[in-house]
Amino acid sequence: MENRVKLSVLGFSFNQTQSGAYGLVLAEENGVRRLMVIVGTPEAQSIAFKLQGTLPPRPLTHDLFVSLMHQLEIEMIDVEIYKYENGVFFSRMTISQYGKIAQIESRTSDAVSIALRMQAPIYTSESIMQDQAIVFDEKASSNNSITEEAKNRSDLDYSLLDIEELEARLRDAVAGEDYELASFLRDELNRKKNK
């Protein structure tokens, strides 16, 4: 069996090549490689809600799926991104119920969103990382004047939030004297209002 590489969800990057699509950045745990998965807007919003610790006004499909899993006492063991073909990543979720294990084919965006909610690990193969990952140059980024905390915040895609949510977060950031975050939120708010 090929070595598996554990991944964590780093955030989003803007995808200039496809309208209505976002680049989900998955980082190699304890490593410098990054895997970019293109996801649609609804899936990106669902993942962003979880990453930012925000509750949507109504449960999203992924929230419903997780509630159903909890009610039926289904445990998520892991998610594996096992294949890349014709520009598409293929994933499967491994679940367990009363000792019976099953694998379910899933879109990668759905699998990641559910794994985040179930606190399940995400893996891929070493060969996919070798073929598809990019190496993040930490030396180049350490010369950047932006603080590490601000850089991490900029990885989150605030464009997925609506104007009311951005205004609420901006008020909270100013009240908490977190002016770096406030500047990111202000800029995104201005972009939305000027559209």
C-alpha atoms as a PDB file:
ATOM      1  CA  MET A   1       0.000   0.000   0.000  1.00  0.00           C
ATOM      2  CA  GLU A   2       1.308   3.439  -0.961  1.00  0.00           C
ATOM      3  CA  ASN A   3       2.262   5.931   1.750  1.00  0.00           C
ATOM      4  CA  ARG A   4      -0.522   8.287   2.692  1.00  0.00           C
ATOM      5  CA  VAL A   5       0.043  11.986   3.315  1.00  0.00           C
ATOM      6  CA  LYS A   6      -2.077  13.697   5.955  1.00  0.00           C
ATOM      7  CA  LEU A   7      -3.550  17.041   4.897  1.00  0.00           C
ATOM      8  CA  SER A   8      -5.093  19.974   6.719  1.00  0.00           C
ATOM      9  CA  VAL A   9      -7.353  22.672   5.297  1.00  0.00           C
ATOM     10  CA  LEU A  10      -5.346  25.871   4.983  1.00  0.00           C
ATOM     11  CA  GLY A  11      -7.946  28.123   3.388  1.00  0.00           C
ATOM     12  CA  PHE A  12      -8.843  29.481  -0.034  1.00  0.00           C
ATOM     13  CA  SER A  13      -7.017  31.247  -2.787  1.00  0.00           C
ATOM     14  CA  PHE A  14      -8.682  33.197  -5.536  1.00  0.00           C
ATOM     15  CA  ASN A  15      -9.177  31.305  -8.771  1.00  0.00           C
ATOM     16  CA  GLN A  16      -8.838  33.720 -11.669  1.00  0.00           C
ATOM     17  CA  THR A  17      -9.294  31.062 -14.343  1.00  0.00           C
ATOM     18  CA  GLN A  18     -12.836  29.953 -13.464  1.00  0.00           C
ATOM     19  CA  SER A  19     -15.677  32.263 -12.510  1.00  0.00           C
ATOM     20  CA  GLY A  20     -17.686  31.008  -9.529  1.00  0.00           C
ATOM     21  CA  ALA A  21     -14.917  28.647  -8.458  1.00  0.00           C
ATOM     22  CA  TYR A  22     -12.459  28.807  -5.601  1.00  0.00           C
ATOM     23  CA  GLY A  23      -9.135  27.152  -4.932  1.00  0.00           C
ATOM     24  CA  LEU A  24      -9.276  25.114  -1.730  1.00  0.00           C
ATOM     25  CA  VAL A  25      -5.732  24.873  -0.372  1.00  0.00           C
ATOM     26  CA  LEU A  26      -4.834  21.673   1.458  1.00  0.00           C
ATOM     27  CA  ALA A  27      -1.497  21.663   3.266  1.00  0.00           C
ATOM     28  CA  GLU A  28       0.726  18.681   3.909  1.00  0.00           C
ATOM     29  CA  GLU A  29       0.882  18.256   7.662  1.00  0.00           C
ATOM     30  CA  ASN A  30       4.443  18.956   8.858  1.00  0.00           C
ATOM     31  CA  GLY A  31       5.512  19.669   5.286  1.00  0.00           C
ATOM     32  CA  VAL A  32       5.818  22.413   2.690  1.00  0.00           C
ATOM     33  CA  ARG A  33       3.665  21.009  -0.120  1.00  0.00           C
ATOM     34  CA  ARG A  34       0.212  22.394  -0.934  1.00  0.00           C
ATOM     35  CA  LEU A  35      -2.557  20.771  -2.933  1.00  0.00           C
ATOM     36  CA  MET A  36      -5.087  23.007  -4.703  1.00  0.00           C
ATOM     37  CA  VAL A  37      -8.597  21.671  -5.306  1.00  0.00           C
ATOM     38  CA  ILE A  38     -11.082  23.715  -7.346  1.00  0.00           C
ATOM     39  CA  VAL A  39     -14.483  23.893  -5.637  1.00  0.00           C
ATOM     40  CA  GLY A  40     -17.739  25.637  -6.449  1.00  0.00           C
ATOM     41  CA  THR A  41     -19.205  28.587  -4.564  1.00  0.00           C
ATOM     42  CA  PRO A  42     -21.748  26.665  -2.405  1.00  0.00           C
ATOM     43  CA  GLU A  43     -19.105  24.158  -1.307  1.00  0.00           C
ATOM     44  CA  ALA A  44     -16.604  26.952  -0.646  1.00  0.00           C
ATOM     45  CA  GLN A  45     -19.177  28.786   1.477  1.00  0.00           C
ATOM     46  CA  SER A  46     -19.887  25.638   3.475  1.00  0.00           C
ATOM     47  CA  ILE A  47     -16.180  25.064   4.140  1.00  0.00           C
ATOM     48  CA  ALA A  48     -15.619  28.761   4.938  1.00  0.00           C
ATOM     49  CA  PHE A  49     -18.433  28.775   7.514  1.00  0.00           C
ATOM     50  CA  LYS A  50     -16.714  25.921   9.343  1.00  0.00           C
ATOM     51  CA  LEU A  51     -13.190  27.375   9.042  1.00  0.00           C
ATOM     52  CA  GLN A  52     -14.325  30.742  10.356  1.00  0.00           C
ATOM     53  CA  GLY A  53     -16.443  29.267  13.159  1.00  0.00           C
ATOM     54  CA  THR A  54     -19.589  30.915  11.824  1.00  0.00           C
ATOM     55  CA  LEU A  55     -23.030  29.353  11.923  1.00  0.00           C
ATOM     56  CA  PRO A  56     -25.167  29.792   8.805  1.00  0.00           C
ATOM     57  CA  PRO A  57     -28.704  31.110   9.367  1.00  0.00           C
ATOM     58  CA  ARG A  58     -30.099  27.689   8.363  1.00  0.00           C
ATOM     59  CA  PRO A  59     -28.314  24.318   8.268  1.00  0.00           C
ATOM     60  CA  LEU A  60     -26.432  23.684   5.040  1.00  0.00           C
ATOM     61  CA  THR A  61     -26.503  20.332   3.239  1.00  0.00           C
ATOM     62  CA  HIS A  62     -23.225  19.289   4.877  1.00  0.00           C
ATOM     63  CA  ASP A  63     -24.620  20.172   8.319  1.00  0.00           C
ATOM     64  CA  LEU A  64     -27.698  18.072   7.572  1.00  0.00           C
ATOM     65  CA  PHE A  65     -25.530  15.151   6.467  1.00  0.00           C
ATOM     66  CA  VAL A  66     -23.459  15.343   9.671  1.00  0.00           C
ATOM     67  CA  SER A  67     -26.606  15.541  11.836  1.00  0.00           C
ATOM     68  CA  LEU A  68     -27.918  12.435  10.097  1.00  0.00           C
ATOM     69  CA  MET A  69     -24.610  10.631  10.704  1.00  0.00           C
ATOM     70  CA  HIS A  70     -24.728  11.519  14.403  1.00  0.00           C
ATOM     71  CA  GLN A  71     -28.356  10.356  14.719  1.00  0.00           C
ATOM     72  CA  LEU A  72     -27.514   7.030  13.074  1.00  0.00           C
ATOM     73  CA  GLU A  73     -24.308   6.684  15.123  1.00  0.00           C
ATOM     74  CA  ILE A  74     -22.096   6.695  12.057  1.00  0.00           C
ATOM     75  CA  GLU A  75     -18.457   7.576  12.658  1.00  0.00           C
ATOM     76  CA  MET A  76     -16.285   9.065   9.942  1.00  0.00           C
ATOM     77  CA  ILE A  77     -12.905   7.356   9.977  1.00  0.00           C
ATOM     78  CA  ASP A  78     -11.229   9.448   7.288  1.00  0.00           C
ATOM     79  CA  VAL A  79     -11.343  11.010   3.844  1.00  0.00           C
ATOM     80  CA  GLU A  80      -8.935   9.932   1.139  1.00  0.00           C
ATOM     81  CA  ILE A  81      -8.221  11.841  -2.055  1.00  0.00           C
ATOM     82  CA  TYR A  82      -7.166   8.773  -4.000  1.00  0.00           C
ATOM     83  CA  LYS A  83      -7.026   9.747  -7.674  1.00  0.00           C
ATOM     84  CA  TYR A  84      -6.481  12.697 -10.002  1.00  0.00           C
ATOM     85  CA  GLU A  85      -7.758  12.360 -13.556  1.00  0.00           C
ATOM     86  CA  ASN A  86      -8.609  14.891 -16.278  1.00  0.00           C
ATOM     87  CA  GLY A  87      -8.355  17.817 -13.859  1.00  0.00           C
ATOM     88  CA  VAL A  88     -10.572  16.233 -11.196  1.00  0.00           C
ATOM     89  CA  PHE A  89      -9.663  14.868  -7.757  1.00  0.00           C
ATOM     90  CA  PHE A  90     -11.555  11.731  -6.698  1.00  0.00           C
ATOM     91  CA  SER A  91     -12.297  11.099  -3.027  1.00  0.00           C
ATOM     92  CA  ARG A  92     -13.925   8.578  -0.776  1.00  0.00           C
ATOM     93  CA  MET A  93     -15.113   8.738   2.793  1.00  0.00           C
ATOM     94  CA  THR A  94     -14.521   5.773   5.075  1.00  0.00           C
ATOM     95  CA  ILE A  95     -17.278   5.441   7.661  1.00  0.00           C
ATOM     96  CA  SER A  96     -18.149   2.991  10.405  1.00  0.00           C
ATOM     97  CA  GLN A  97     -21.456   2.030  12.003  1.00  0.00           C
ATOM     98  CA  TYR A  98     -21.635  -0.632  14.720  1.00  0.00           C
ATOM     99  CA  GLY A  99     -18.290  -2.060  13.606  1.00  0.00           C
ATOM    100  CA  LYS A 100     -19.213  -2.295   9.932  1.00  0.00           C
ATOM    101  CA  ILE A 101     -16.890  -0.244   7.710  1.00  0.00           C
ATOM    102  CA  ALA A 102     -17.910   1.177   4.346  1.00  0.00           C
ATOM    103  CA  GLN A 103     -16.374   3.464   1.766  1.00  0.00           C
ATOM    104  CA  ILE A 104     -18.491   6.049  -0.001  1.00  0.00           C
ATOM    105  CA  GLU A 105     -17.421   7.826  -3.189  1.00  0.00           C
ATOM    106  CA  SER A 106     -17.681  11.605  -2.841  1.00  0.00           C
ATOM    107  CA  ARG A 107     -16.758  14.848  -4.495  1.00  0.00           C
ATOM    108  CA  THR A 108     -13.636  16.137  -2.766  1.00  0.00           C
ATOM    109  CA  SER A 109     -15.303  19.397  -1.743  1.00  0.00           C
ATOM    110  CA  ASP A 110     -18.165  17.537  -0.031  1.00  0.00           C
ATOM    111  CA  ALA A 111     -15.822  15.061   1.653  1.00  0.00           C
ATOM    112  CA  VAL A 112     -13.614  17.852   3.018  1.00  0.00           C
ATOM    113  CA  SER A 113     -16.594  19.862   4.278  1.00  0.00           C
ATOM    114  CA  ILE A 114     -18.014  16.834   6.096  1.00  0.00           C
ATOM    115  CA  ALA A 115     -14.578  15.810   7.441  1.00  0.00           C
ATOM    116  CA  LEU A 116     -14.146  19.287   8.951  1.00  0.00           C
ATOM    117  CA  ARG A 117     -17.483  18.965  10.724  1.00  0.00           C
ATOM    118  CA  MET A 118     -16.757  15.402  11.895  1.00  0.00           C
ATOM    119  CA  GLN A 119     -13.142  16.258  12.856  1.00  0.00           C
ATOM    120  CA  ALA A 120     -11.935  13.399  10.652  1.00  0.00           C
ATOM    121  CA  PRO A 121      -8.476  13.283   9.070  1.00  0.00           C
ATOM    122  CA  ILE A 122      -7.944  13.932   5.365  1.00  0.00           C
ATOM    123  CA  TYR A 123      -5.324  11.995   3.390  1.00  0.00           C
ATOM    124  CA  THR A 124      -3.976  11.677  -0.104  1.00  0.00           C
ATOM    125  CA  SER A 125      -1.311   9.504  -1.691  1.00  0.00           C
ATOM    126  CA  GLU A 126       2.355  10.357  -2.017  1.00  0.00           C
ATOM    127  CA  SER A 127       2.087   9.984  -5.801  1.00  0.00           C
ATOM    128  CA  ILE A 128      -0.703  12.594  -5.999  1.00  0.00           C
ATOM    129  CA  MET A 129       1.397  14.958  -3.889  1.00  0.00           C
ATOM    130  CA  GLN A 130       4.416  14.408  -6.132  1.00  0.00           C
ATOM    131  CA  ASP A 131       2.385  14.989  -9.304  1.00  0.00           C
ATOM    132  CA  GLN A 132      -0.047  17.731  -8.241  1.00  0.00           C
ATOM    133  CA  ALA A 133       1.281  19.586  -5.191  1.00  0.00           C
ATOM    134  CA  ILE A 134       3.229  22.802  -5.208  1.00  0.00           C
ATOM    135  CA  VAL A 135       6.016  23.530  -2.763  1.00  0.00           C
ATOM    136  CA  PHE A 136       5.482  26.535  -0.525  1.00  0.00           C
ATOM    137  CA  ASP A 137       8.762  28.448  -0.153  1.00  0.00           C
ATOM    138  CA  GLU A 138       8.914  29.421   3.510  1.00  0.00           C
ATOM    139  CA  LYS A 139      12.158  31.384   3.054  1.00  0.00           C
ATOM    140  CA  ALA A 140      10.527  33.699   0.530  1.00  0.00           C
ATOM    141  CA  SER A 141       7.494  34.210   2.747  1.00  0.00           C
ATOM    142  CA  SER A 142       9.613  34.963   5.831  1.00  0.00           C
ATOM    143  CA  ASN A 143      10.956  38.040   4.022  1.00  0.00           C
ATOM    144  CA  ASN A 144       7.412  39.341   3.666  1.00  0.00           C
ATOM    145  CA  SER A 145       6.541  42.251   5.953  1.00  0.00           C
ATOM    146  CA  ILE A 146       3.055  40.900   6.715  1.00  0.00           C
ATOM    147  CA  THR A 147       2.890  39.171  10.078  1.00  0.00           C
ATOM    148  CA  GLU A 148       2.266  35.420  10.147  1.00  0.00           C
ATOM    149  CA  GLU A 149      -1.118  35.987  11.797  1.00  0.00           C
ATOM    150  CA  ALA A 150      -2.179  38.448   9.113  1.00  0.00           C
ATOM    151  CA  LYS A 151      -0.957  36.080   6.374  1.00  0.00           C
ATOM    152  CA  ASN A 152      -3.102  33.293   7.817  1.00  0.00           C
ATOM    153  CA  ARG A 153      -6.099  35.588   7.882  1.00  0.00           C
ATOM    154  CA  SER A 154      -5.548  36.597   4.283  1.00  0.00           C
ATOM    155  CA  ASP A 155      -5.701  32.899   3.311  1.00  0.00           C
ATOM    156  CA  LEU A 156      -9.368  32.905   4.376  1.00  0.00           C
ATOM    157  CA  ASP A 157     -11.662  34.055   1.603  1.00  0.00           C
ATOM    158  CA  TYR A 158     -13.869  36.751   3.107  1.00  0.00           C
ATOM    159  CA  SER A 159     -15.528  37.276  -0.295  1.00  0.00           C
ATOM    160  CA  LEU A 160     -17.762  34.324   0.579  1.00  0.00           C
ATOM    161  CA  LEU A 161     -19.467  36.340   3.339  1.00  0.00           C
ATOM    162  CA  ASP A 162     -22.377  38.662   2.647  1.00  0.00           C
ATOM    163  CA  ILE A 163     -22.380  42.397   3.504  1.00  0.00           C
ATOM    164  CA  GLU A 164     -24.194  41.963   6.844  1.00  0.00           C
ATOM    165  CA  GLU A 165     -21.772  39.254   7.998  1.00  0.00           C
ATOM    166  CA  LEU A 166     -18.771  41.358   6.933  1.00  0.00           C
ATOM    167  CA  GLU A 167     -20.141  44.408   8.801  1.00  0.00           C
ATOM    168  CA  ALA A 168     -20.711  42.314  11.954  1.00  0.00           C
ATOM    169  CA  ARG A 169     -17.194  40.879  11.798  1.00  0.00           C
ATOM    170  CA  LEU A 170     -15.759  44.343  11.170  1.00  0.00           C
ATOM    171  CA  ARG A 171     -17.536  45.722  14.281  1.00  0.00           C
ATOM    172  CA  ASP A 172     -16.189  42.799  16.336  1.00  0.00           C
ATOM    173  CA  ALA A 173     -12.649  43.306  15.020  1.00  0.00           C
ATOM    174  CA  VAL A 174     -12.695  47.036  15.816  1.00  0.00           C
ATOM    175  CA  ALA A 175     -14.206  46.429  19.272  1.00  0.00           C
ATOM    176  CA  GLY A 176     -11.476  43.863  19.942  1.00  0.00           C
ATOM    177  CA  GLU A 177      -8.830  46.303  18.629  1.00  0.00           C
ATOM    178  CA  ASP A 178      -7.796  43.796  15.956  1.00  0.00           C
ATOM    179  CA  TYR A 179      -7.025  46.418  13.329  1.00  0.00           C
ATOM    180  CA  GLU A 180      -5.215  44.109  10.905  1.00  0.00           C
ATOM    181  CA  LEU A 181      -8.291  41.909  10.589  1.00  0.00           C
ATOM    182  CA  ALA A 182     -10.469  45.020  10.446  1.00  0.00           C
ATOM    183  CA  SER A 183      -8.500  46.277   7.427  1.00  0.00           C
ATOM    184  CA  PHE A 184      -8.988  42.966   5.574  1.00  0.00           C
ATOM    185  CA  LEU A 185     -12.722  43.061   6.342  1.00  0.00           C
ATOM    186  CA  ARG A 186     -13.048  46.744   5.397  1.00  0.00           C
ATOM    187  CA  ASP A 187     -11.391  46.122   2.035  1.00  0.00           C
ATOM    188  CA  GLU A 188     -13.679  43.185   1.269  1.00  0.00           C
ATOM    189  CA  LEU A 189     -16.739  45.173   2.373  1.00  0.00           C
ATOM    190  CA  ASN A 190     -15.768  48.040   0.060  1.00  0.00           C
ATOM    191  CA  ARG A 191     -15.303  45.600  -2.845  1.00  0.00           C
ATOM    192  CA  LYS A 192     -18.780  44.144  -2.267  1.00  0.00           C
ATOM    193  CA  LYS A 193     -20.444  47.558  -1.957  1.00  0.00           C
ATOM    194  CA  ASN A 194     -18.773  48.830  -5.141  1.00  0.00           C
ATOM    195  CA  LYS A 195     -20.002  45.901  -7.271  1.00  0.00           C
END
